[in-house]
Amino acid sequence: MLEDNVADAELIKFALREGGLLFSLARVDSKTAFLREVEQNTPDIILLDYSLPSFDGLSALHIAQKSFPNIPFIFVTGTLGEEVVIEMLKSGATDYVLKNRLSRLVPAVLRALGEKEAREERHHAEERLRKSHEQLRALSVYLQYVREDERIRISRQVHDELGQALTGLKLDLYWLATRLPKELKSIQKKAKTMSAHIDTTIQTVRRISTELRPGILDDLGLSAALEWQAQEFQKRTGIKCLVVTDVKQPIMDEELNTAFFRIFQETLTNVIRHAQATRVEVSLRKTGRSLQLQVQDNGRGILEHEMNDTKSIGLLGMRERAALLGGTLHLKGTPGGGTTVTVKIPIARPKEIEIAYHENTHRG
């Protein structure tokens, strides 16, 4: 309590006791004593007189706020003008009580302490929510890494082991067919049919392997992979898909390439499912120190509530992929005028993002 009048200080203590409060109170009456008390103790509440001979309550308020920004400050003072009251409240005072109306002091103290407790609880809840969000993001990073790693492993096994086994089987069948007597036409015909089935199966294996992880992404880079995916999309759906890029040299960043490619795949999936489009235009460009992918269709246009729908796991995954690498993803829909997806990710990412990404992906 900053109060230079001993009699007033005793009246304030009496009012607090009469109100049923149990408390310990340190009274100071100078700037030096106030500073010493602030440095040594953490109070639950600070009571301030507005005007002292060598010090004033507003100055004390500004000093205390630096150390205790969340602690309530109540002015207990004499008659005040409206302008002074407004100045006190703007400066961060919680409340004020006139000395000739000390019956208001205890309710003001209880209300201030209650608000303080609510603020602290809200702060703790926000901190728990922030930590939970960080943990979920870390889990998302790890799961994406594991899934991509598993796709690469399965793709290679399917392509190499199953593909080689089928190729060996075809060679054995050819060897057998060339040694069959010519008069056994039905058996020779069956051998040809089996060979055709093996060829179809080999093509299926290659398709599955490529869908799991296209080798072109690792061998020729992002631009080539986007063009290949656009061609496959056009063949499969009949929707025209044009890719324009000014990125000539392959970018040697596996995480960046994978993020853009998977976002592109998910965008094309959404075009098939929802857009009702007949044309898709794609551009990949360097903008400053970032890489920007833009996919625009001429469909019905995504609606506002669809962009923010928490059940849209595909959109959430796209945003998360970009955010994990320090990038952004924006959606723009025009009713009847199509949807535009714009992804922008730094090529040289901040060091802390790189560290966090690799710590999360290699954890466990």
Protein backbone atom coordinates (compact mmCIF):
# COMPACT_ATOMS: atom_id res chain seq x y z
CA MET A 1 0.00 0.00 0.00
CA LEU A 2 1.40 3.35 -1.07
CA GLU A 3 0.04 5.73 1.57
CA ASP A 4 1.79 8.55 3.44
CA ASN A 5 -1.02 9.24 5.93
CA VAL A 6 -0.82 6.83 8.88
CA ALA A 7 -4.42 7.50 9.99
CA ASP A 8 -5.77 6.82 6.50
CA ALA A 9 -3.70 3.63 6.33
CA GLU A 10 -5.26 2.41 9.60
CA LEU A 11 -8.75 3.18 8.31
CA ILE A 12 -8.02 1.17 5.17
CA LYS A 13 -6.77 -1.78 7.24
CA PHE A 14 -9.87 -1.58 9.41
CA ALA A 15 -12.13 -1.58 6.34
CA LEU A 16 -10.37 -4.67 5.00
CA ARG A 17 -10.66 -6.53 8.30
CA GLU A 18 -14.31 -5.55 8.72
CA GLY A 19 -14.94 -6.97 5.27
CA GLY A 20 -13.68 -10.35 6.46
CA LEU A 21 -10.36 -10.40 4.62
CA LEU A 22 -7.26 -12.06 6.04
CA PHE A 23 -4.21 -10.26 4.74
CA SER A 24 -0.67 -9.10 5.33
CA LEU A 25 0.07 -5.56 4.23
CA ALA A 26 3.25 -3.55 3.71
CA ARG A 27 2.81 0.23 3.80
CA VAL A 28 5.31 2.48 2.01
CA ASP A 29 5.27 6.26 1.72
CA SER A 30 8.13 7.12 -0.65
CA LYS A 31 9.50 6.21 -4.05
CA THR A 32 12.59 4.59 -2.53
CA ALA A 33 10.54 2.40 -0.19
CA PHE A 34 8.09 1.56 -2.98
CA LEU A 35 10.90 0.45 -5.32
CA ARG A 36 12.51 -1.65 -2.59
CA GLU A 37 9.22 -3.39 -1.80
CA VAL A 38 8.48 -4.06 -5.47
CA GLU A 39 11.92 -5.60 -5.98
CA GLN A 40 11.70 -7.87 -2.90
CA ASN A 41 8.09 -9.10 -2.93
CA THR A 42 5.32 -10.17 -5.29
CA PRO A 43 2.01 -8.80 -3.97
CA ASP A 44 -1.48 -10.07 -4.75
CA ILE A 45 -2.78 -6.51 -5.07
CA ILE A 46 -1.41 -2.96 -4.85
CA LEU A 47 -3.36 -0.11 -3.21
CA LEU A 48 -2.23 3.37 -4.25
CA ASP A 49 -2.87 6.87 -2.97
CA TYR A 50 -3.08 9.26 -5.90
CA SER A 51 -1.05 12.14 -4.51
CA LEU A 52 1.92 12.12 -2.11
CA PRO A 53 4.28 14.99 -1.26
CA SER A 54 7.30 13.59 -3.16
CA PHE A 55 5.71 10.86 -5.25
CA ASP A 56 2.42 10.15 -7.03
CA GLY A 57 0.28 7.11 -7.62
CA LEU A 58 0.42 7.20 -11.43
CA SER A 59 4.23 7.09 -11.40
CA ALA A 60 4.08 4.21 -8.93
CA LEU A 61 1.57 2.46 -11.18
CA HIS A 62 3.86 2.70 -14.22
CA ILE A 63 6.82 1.41 -12.20
CA ALA A 64 4.90 -1.55 -10.78
CA GLN A 65 3.37 -2.51 -14.13
CA LYS A 66 6.83 -3.32 -15.50
CA SER A 67 7.35 -5.95 -12.80
CA PHE A 68 3.74 -7.03 -12.20
CA PRO A 69 1.67 -6.43 -15.37
CA ASN A 70 -1.11 -8.80 -14.25
CA ILE A 71 -1.50 -7.61 -10.64
CA PRO A 72 -4.57 -5.44 -9.83
CA PHE A 73 -3.98 -1.79 -8.97
CA ILE A 74 -6.66 0.02 -6.94
CA PHE A 75 -6.41 3.73 -6.16
CA VAL A 76 -7.64 4.57 -2.65
CA THR A 77 -7.62 8.32 -2.54
CA GLY A 78 -9.48 11.53 -1.82
CA THR A 79 -11.86 13.40 -4.09
CA LEU A 80 -10.95 13.01 -7.78
CA GLY A 81 -12.05 14.78 -10.90
CA GLU A 82 -13.49 12.88 -13.86
CA GLU A 83 -10.44 13.56 -16.03
CA VAL A 84 -8.10 12.13 -13.37
CA VAL A 85 -10.22 8.98 -13.04
CA ILE A 86 -10.18 8.47 -16.81
CA GLU A 87 -6.41 8.96 -16.87
CA MET A 88 -5.94 6.38 -14.10
CA LEU A 89 -8.10 3.76 -15.79
CA LYS A 90 -6.41 4.36 -19.17
CA SER A 91 -3.04 3.90 -17.48
CA GLY A 92 -4.05 0.43 -16.30
CA ALA A 93 -5.68 0.94 -12.91
CA THR A 94 -8.20 -1.76 -12.06
CA ASP A 95 -10.49 0.42 -9.97
CA TYR A 96 -10.60 3.37 -7.59
CA VAL A 97 -12.20 3.88 -4.18
CA LEU A 98 -12.70 7.23 -2.43
CA LYS A 99 -11.47 7.41 1.17
CA ASN A 100 -14.83 8.71 2.33
CA ARG A 101 -16.49 5.59 0.86
CA LEU A 102 -14.29 2.77 2.15
CA SER A 103 -17.30 0.44 2.25
CA ARG A 104 -16.59 -0.08 -1.47
CA LEU A 105 -13.01 -1.21 -0.82
CA VAL A 106 -13.58 -4.89 0.01
CA PRO A 107 -15.98 -5.53 -2.94
CA ALA A 108 -13.48 -3.77 -5.23
CA VAL A 109 -10.60 -5.91 -3.89
CA LEU A 110 -12.59 -9.16 -4.22
CA ARG A 111 -13.69 -8.29 -7.75
CA ALA A 112 -10.14 -7.38 -8.75
CA LEU A 113 -8.70 -10.60 -7.31
CA GLY A 114 -11.43 -12.62 -9.01
CA GLU A 115 -10.64 -11.02 -12.37
CA LYS A 116 -6.94 -11.64 -11.80
CA GLU A 117 -7.59 -15.32 -11.07
CA ALA A 118 -9.75 -15.59 -14.20
CA ARG A 119 -7.00 -13.97 -16.31
CA GLU A 120 -4.40 -16.34 -14.90
CA GLU A 121 -6.61 -19.35 -15.55
CA ARG A 122 -7.27 -18.15 -19.10
CA HIS A 123 -3.53 -17.66 -19.60
CA HIS A 124 -2.82 -21.19 -18.32
CA ALA A 125 -5.54 -22.57 -20.59
CA GLU A 126 -4.08 -20.73 -23.58
CA GLU A 127 -0.62 -22.01 -22.70
CA ARG A 128 -1.91 -25.59 -22.45
CA LEU A 129 -3.69 -25.12 -25.79
CA ARG A 130 -0.51 -23.74 -27.37
CA LYS A 131 1.55 -26.69 -26.13
CA SER A 132 -1.13 -29.11 -27.29
CA HIS A 133 -1.10 -27.46 -30.73
CA GLU A 134 2.68 -27.72 -30.89
CA GLN A 135 2.51 -31.41 -29.95
CA LEU A 136 -0.15 -32.07 -32.59
CA ARG A 137 1.92 -30.25 -35.20
CA ALA A 138 4.99 -32.26 -34.22
CA LEU A 139 2.93 -35.44 -34.52
CA SER A 140 1.65 -34.29 -37.92
CA VAL A 141 5.21 -33.72 -39.12
CA TYR A 142 6.30 -37.12 -37.89
CA LEU A 143 3.31 -38.93 -39.42
CA GLN A 144 3.83 -37.23 -42.79
CA TYR A 145 7.49 -38.14 -42.73
CA VAL A 146 6.72 -41.75 -41.80
CA ARG A 147 4.04 -42.02 -44.47
CA GLU A 148 6.30 -40.58 -47.17
CA ASP A 149 9.18 -42.79 -46.10
CA GLU A 150 6.89 -45.83 -46.15
CA ARG A 151 5.64 -44.90 -49.61
CA ILE A 152 9.19 -44.70 -50.92
CA ARG A 153 10.10 -48.06 -49.38
CA ILE A 154 6.98 -49.84 -50.68
CA SER A 155 7.34 -48.22 -54.11
CA ARG A 156 10.89 -49.50 -54.46
CA GLN A 157 9.99 -52.96 -53.24
CA VAL A 158 7.02 -53.22 -55.60
CA HIS A 159 9.02 -51.91 -58.55
CA ASP A 160 12.21 -53.85 -57.93
CA GLU A 161 11.16 -57.14 -56.35
CA LEU A 162 7.71 -57.69 -57.81
CA GLY A 163 8.66 -56.15 -61.15
CA GLN A 164 11.77 -58.32 -61.44
CA ALA A 165 9.82 -61.44 -60.45
CA LEU A 166 7.22 -60.78 -63.16
CA THR A 167 9.90 -60.07 -65.75
CA GLY A 168 11.62 -63.34 -64.84
CA LEU A 169 8.31 -65.16 -65.11
CA LYS A 170 7.71 -63.70 -68.58
CA LEU A 171 11.18 -64.84 -69.73
CA ASP A 172 10.54 -68.35 -68.40
CA LEU A 173 7.18 -68.43 -70.15
CA TYR A 174 8.80 -67.29 -73.42
CA TRP A 175 11.46 -69.99 -73.05
CA LEU A 176 8.76 -72.59 -72.48
CA ALA A 177 6.55 -71.37 -75.35
CA THR A 178 9.41 -71.53 -77.90
CA ARG A 179 9.97 -75.18 -77.05
CA LEU A 180 6.38 -76.31 -77.40
CA PRO A 181 5.57 -78.49 -80.44
CA LYS A 182 3.90 -76.43 -83.19
CA GLU A 183 0.98 -78.85 -83.42
CA LEU A 184 -0.06 -77.98 -79.82
CA LYS A 185 -1.80 -74.80 -80.97
CA SER A 186 -4.20 -74.54 -78.03
CA ILE A 187 -1.28 -74.64 -75.55
CA GLN A 188 0.69 -72.08 -77.58
CA LYS A 189 -2.39 -69.83 -77.60
CA LYS A 190 -2.70 -70.21 -73.84
CA ALA A 191 0.98 -69.30 -73.44
CA LYS A 192 0.45 -66.10 -75.46
CA THR A 193 -2.57 -65.21 -73.32
CA MET A 194 -0.55 -65.77 -70.17
CA SER A 195 2.26 -63.59 -71.54
CA ALA A 196 -0.24 -60.81 -72.27
CA HIS A 197 -1.58 -61.09 -68.68
CA ILE A 198 1.96 -60.83 -67.35
CA ASP A 199 2.54 -57.69 -69.46
CA THR A 200 -0.66 -56.15 -68.04
CA THR A 201 0.39 -57.03 -64.53
CA ILE A 202 3.83 -55.49 -65.07
CA GLN A 203 2.15 -52.26 -66.21
CA THR A 204 -0.10 -52.34 -63.14
CA VAL A 205 2.92 -52.80 -60.87
CA ARG A 206 4.66 -49.85 -62.52
CA ARG A 207 1.53 -47.70 -62.13
CA ILE A 208 1.15 -48.57 -58.44
CA SER A 209 4.85 -47.94 -57.82
CA THR A 210 4.67 -44.57 -59.58
CA GLU A 211 1.55 -43.49 -57.69
CA LEU A 212 3.21 -44.34 -54.39
CA ARG A 213 6.28 -42.27 -55.21
CA PRO A 214 6.99 -41.09 -58.77
CA GLY A 215 10.64 -41.64 -59.56
CA ILE A 216 10.56 -38.60 -61.83
CA LEU A 217 10.23 -36.38 -58.73
CA ASP A 218 13.55 -37.64 -57.35
CA ASP A 219 15.31 -38.04 -60.70
CA LEU A 220 14.23 -34.97 -62.72
CA GLY A 221 12.83 -32.62 -60.10
CA LEU A 222 9.60 -30.84 -59.25
CA SER A 223 8.83 -29.18 -62.60
CA ALA A 224 9.03 -32.47 -64.50
CA ALA A 225 6.97 -34.25 -61.83
CA LEU A 226 4.21 -31.61 -62.01
CA GLU A 227 4.08 -31.86 -65.82
CA TRP A 228 3.93 -35.64 -65.63
CA GLN A 229 1.16 -35.55 -63.01
CA ALA A 230 -0.80 -33.03 -65.09
CA GLN A 231 -0.59 -35.30 -68.15
CA GLU A 232 -1.73 -38.32 -66.12
CA PHE A 233 -4.61 -36.27 -64.69
CA GLN A 234 -5.67 -35.15 -68.17
CA LYS A 235 -5.56 -38.72 -69.53
CA ARG A 236 -7.58 -40.06 -66.63
CA THR A 237 -10.27 -37.34 -66.41
CA GLY A 238 -10.35 -35.63 -69.80
CA ILE A 239 -9.92 -32.27 -68.04
CA LYS A 240 -7.31 -30.13 -69.79
CA CYS A 241 -4.36 -29.39 -67.52
CA LEU A 242 -1.67 -26.92 -68.61
CA VAL A 243 1.57 -26.42 -66.66
CA VAL A 244 3.76 -23.32 -67.09
CA THR A 245 7.01 -22.99 -65.15
CA ASP A 246 10.07 -20.77 -65.13
CA VAL A 247 11.93 -23.14 -62.79
CA LYS A 248 14.42 -24.73 -65.16
CA GLN A 249 17.00 -26.20 -62.79
CA PRO A 250 15.95 -29.00 -60.38
CA ILE A 251 15.67 -27.83 -56.76
CA MET A 252 17.69 -30.16 -54.57
CA ASP A 253 15.36 -30.10 -51.57
CA GLU A 254 13.45 -33.31 -51.00
CA GLU A 255 11.07 -31.89 -48.36
CA LEU A 256 10.20 -28.89 -50.53
CA ASN A 257 9.64 -30.97 -53.66
CA THR A 258 7.53 -33.50 -51.77
CA ALA A 259 5.38 -30.79 -50.14
CA PHE A 260 4.61 -29.07 -53.45
CA PHE A 261 3.96 -32.34 -55.27
CA ARG A 262 1.60 -33.73 -52.62
CA ILE A 263 -0.28 -30.43 -52.38
CA PHE A 264 -0.62 -30.47 -56.18
CA GLN A 265 -1.96 -34.03 -56.11
CA GLU A 266 -4.51 -33.15 -53.42
CA THR A 267 -5.58 -30.06 -55.37
CA LEU A 268 -6.22 -32.15 -58.49
CA THR A 269 -8.17 -34.64 -56.38
CA ASN A 270 -10.39 -31.79 -55.16
CA VAL A 271 -10.89 -30.64 -58.75
CA ILE A 272 -12.16 -34.10 -59.67
CA ARG A 273 -14.44 -34.39 -56.64
CA HIS A 274 -15.87 -30.89 -56.29
CA ALA A 275 -14.91 -28.35 -58.96
CA GLN A 276 -16.96 -29.46 -61.99
CA ALA A 277 -14.17 -27.93 -64.09
CA THR A 278 -13.15 -28.46 -67.70
CA ARG A 279 -9.74 -26.78 -67.52
CA VAL A 280 -6.91 -26.40 -64.99
CA GLU A 281 -4.00 -23.97 -65.34
CA VAL A 282 -0.86 -24.50 -63.26
CA SER A 283 2.12 -22.21 -62.78
CA LEU A 284 5.35 -22.77 -60.84
CA ARG A 285 7.53 -19.71 -60.36
CA LYS A 286 10.29 -18.32 -58.23
CA THR A 287 9.20 -15.15 -56.44
CA GLY A 288 12.13 -13.62 -54.61
CA ARG A 289 13.46 -16.25 -52.24
CA SER A 290 10.32 -18.36 -52.39
CA LEU A 291 8.77 -20.89 -54.72
CA GLN A 292 5.13 -20.32 -55.67
CA LEU A 293 2.69 -22.87 -57.06
CA GLN A 294 -0.67 -21.65 -58.35
CA VAL A 295 -3.45 -23.97 -59.51
CA GLN A 296 -6.53 -22.36 -61.06
CA ASP A 297 -9.60 -24.15 -62.40
CA ASN A 298 -12.68 -22.86 -64.22
CA GLY A 299 -15.18 -24.76 -62.06
CA ARG A 300 -18.01 -23.69 -59.78
CA GLY A 301 -15.73 -21.93 -57.27
CA ILE A 302 -15.15 -22.98 -53.67
CA LEU A 303 -17.46 -21.36 -51.10
CA GLU A 304 -16.36 -19.54 -47.93
CA HIS A 305 -17.78 -22.14 -45.54
CA GLU A 306 -16.04 -24.91 -47.51
CA MET A 307 -12.65 -23.21 -47.08
CA ASN A 308 -13.09 -23.09 -43.29
CA ASP A 309 -14.76 -26.47 -42.85
CA THR A 310 -12.86 -28.37 -40.14
CA LYS A 311 -14.00 -31.62 -41.75
CA SER A 312 -12.07 -30.82 -44.95
CA ILE A 313 -9.09 -32.98 -44.04
CA GLY A 314 -7.54 -32.55 -47.49
CA LEU A 315 -7.45 -28.75 -47.19
CA LEU A 316 -6.16 -28.95 -43.62
CA GLY A 317 -3.39 -31.30 -44.74
CA MET A 318 -2.41 -28.97 -47.59
CA ARG A 319 -2.21 -25.97 -45.25
CA GLU A 320 -0.24 -27.97 -42.71
CA ARG A 321 2.28 -29.19 -45.30
CA ALA A 322 2.97 -25.61 -46.34
CA ALA A 323 3.09 -24.27 -42.76
CA LEU A 324 5.56 -26.94 -41.64
CA LEU A 325 8.11 -25.53 -44.08
CA GLY A 326 7.40 -21.89 -43.21
CA GLY A 327 5.04 -21.38 -46.15
CA THR A 328 1.45 -20.32 -46.74
CA LEU A 329 -1.53 -21.64 -48.67
CA HIS A 330 -4.37 -19.39 -49.83
CA LEU A 331 -7.68 -20.33 -51.39
CA LYS A 332 -9.83 -18.02 -53.48
CA GLY A 333 -13.19 -18.96 -54.91
CA THR A 334 -15.45 -17.05 -57.27
CA PRO A 335 -18.99 -18.45 -57.69
CA GLY A 336 -19.11 -19.77 -61.23
CA GLY A 337 -15.60 -18.43 -61.86
CA GLY A 338 -13.43 -21.20 -60.48
CA THR A 339 -11.04 -21.72 -57.59
CA THR A 340 -7.43 -20.62 -57.20
CA VAL A 341 -4.98 -22.35 -54.86
CA THR A 342 -1.74 -20.47 -54.19
CA VAL A 343 1.10 -22.10 -52.27
CA LYS A 344 4.23 -20.16 -51.36
CA ILE A 345 7.17 -21.71 -49.49
CA PRO A 346 10.65 -20.23 -48.87
CA ILE A 347 13.39 -22.02 -50.79
CA ALA A 348 15.93 -21.17 -48.07
CA ARG A 349 13.92 -21.69 -44.91
CA PRO A 350 14.71 -20.02 -41.55
CA LYS A 351 17.12 -22.07 -39.48
CA GLU A 352 14.66 -22.61 -36.63
CA ILE A 353 12.10 -24.12 -39.03
CA GLU A 354 14.70 -26.48 -40.48
CA ILE A 355 15.77 -27.56 -36.98
CA ALA A 356 12.18 -28.07 -35.80
CA TYR A 357 11.28 -29.99 -38.97
CA HIS A 358 14.21 -32.39 -38.76
CA GLU A 359 13.87 -32.84 -34.99
CA ASN A 360 10.22 -33.82 -35.46
CA THR A 361 10.76 -36.05 -38.49
CA HIS A 362 13.61 -37.99 -36.95
CA ARG A 363 12.14 -38.24 -33.45
CA GLY A 364 11.29 -41.71 -32.15
